[in-house]
Amino acid sequence: MNKRSLLVLCCLALPVAIFAQPQTPKVIVISLDGFPAFALDDPKLPIPTLRRLMANGVSGPMSTVNPTVTWPNHTTMVTGVRADEHGLLANGSIVRTGAWPPIKVDPMVSKLRMVRAPTVYDAAHRAGLTTAQVDWVAINDAPTITWAFREWASADGPLEKEMLAKGAITAAELDNFSKSNILFRDQIWTKAGSYLIKTHQPDLLLFHLLSLDSEHHQYGPNTLAGRTAMAFLDSCVEKLVMAVREAGLEGRTTFIIVSDHGFKAYTKQIRATVALDAAGLGGKAFVLPEGGTAFVYLDDVQLLSKVRQALDGVEGIEKIYGVEEYSALGLPHPDRDPQFGHLLLAARTGYSFSGATGGPVTAAVPQVGGSHGYLASDPDMNAILIVSGRGVTARGKLPLQSNLDLAPTIANLLGVALPSAKGKPLPLR
């Protein structure tokens, strides 16, 4: 080959070398709130989309962190640290009021004030990747989220305005959105997720649906209502999978399907406030119920022994934990984080804490209900984990994994660093 021919070949190849760009990976995290790990053991559960993802990847139970509540566990999944580090102990920030009641839970605090640890979406944004969220939690006004369709969606949101302008959503669908029934909202959130995938193709999408949690609270787990909600959620996941396919992103996308906690049925409620009032401690000790646990805040720590005495032996209370036991549970000492209480109450199976202030201390409920919030060591609190798609060559069921491992797994799939995470990437190969 002469020099002229070689030069021509080099010139022809040059545009390919210049303009060919590596295709960035995509990760879609889908959280199906309140989906217990034990539900996947039912071979007749009508979830064909999830079954296909499971067959093409890995799946299994996933342990949770205390408190086994939505916002703390979602935050662990994106930070890779426990609640005593990331600062979420309820479904919002627990704010001291300086009055009575001494605390309130505020979900509207900004992400920058609420989350005290680096998140994987922070890391992705810092690396120049695009990020999106649909109904994720503890993420209000997050500057490292490129596109957001909020839990409290409204026509004045930037993404909502764009979807309205393009006819992807209607004004009627957004009208009074936060008060619409949860099945309708899940449908709209799914529509927003599909739109984001096809229109903006974010490198990381955090997506959250709520209807199953609502059904399980109302009717308890292992019920027709719960299974119907699971089938509905499966159809929502199918729409996101189809959106990825239609966008031509199937070979670049990893799906991570998770839940934040499991569920337990209960037939009796514990009204700890009633016991405290009967002991003359009304206005001095406040109870924040979280289902299977409750936090007790004292006006005066000198009253600690009296509060313990008033609650000791109450039907349904399994154990009363003091601050010296918090660290082993992944919970902060109140001297270090004033969000947390001076005592932690744990309920027995079949019982759930209530905020009711009247009636008997422990009372039967008219129908079986469902709760989470029990200690994370309870296997009924284990969540689901399914990983399928790009970067997943392993197949089959995994042993119990930790939700601390989610954030480092997402970071690894995206090729970004999250050194603060305490977990490790999941075994996907």
Foldseek 3Di string as FASTA:
>chain_A
DDPVVVVVVCVVCVVCVVPDDDDFFAEEEEAEAAAWQVVVVDPPQQQVLLVVLQQFFEKGWAFAAPQLAQQQLLLLLFFLAHCQQQVDHYQAHWDQDVAPVRTDGDQQDALVVRTRGDTLLNQCLVVVFAAEEQQRGSHHPPPSHRYYQHLLHACPGPLNVVCCVVVLDHNVLRVVPNPDDQLSNLVVSLSSLLCCCQPVNGRYYYYYGDPLVVQCQAANPPDPSNSVVSNSVSVSVVSNQVSCVVNVNQQRYKYKYKYSWHKAKAFKEAALLQLCVVLVCPVAWAWAFQWQKIFIAGNDCVCVVVSCVSPPPRPFWPDKDALVCQVVSSHHRCVVPVSGHGIMTGGDGRYTYDNDHDDDRMDGDPHMGMGGSHRSVPSSTIMMIGMRGHPAPDHYYDYYHYSSQNNQQSCVSSVTDNVSNPHHHDPRD
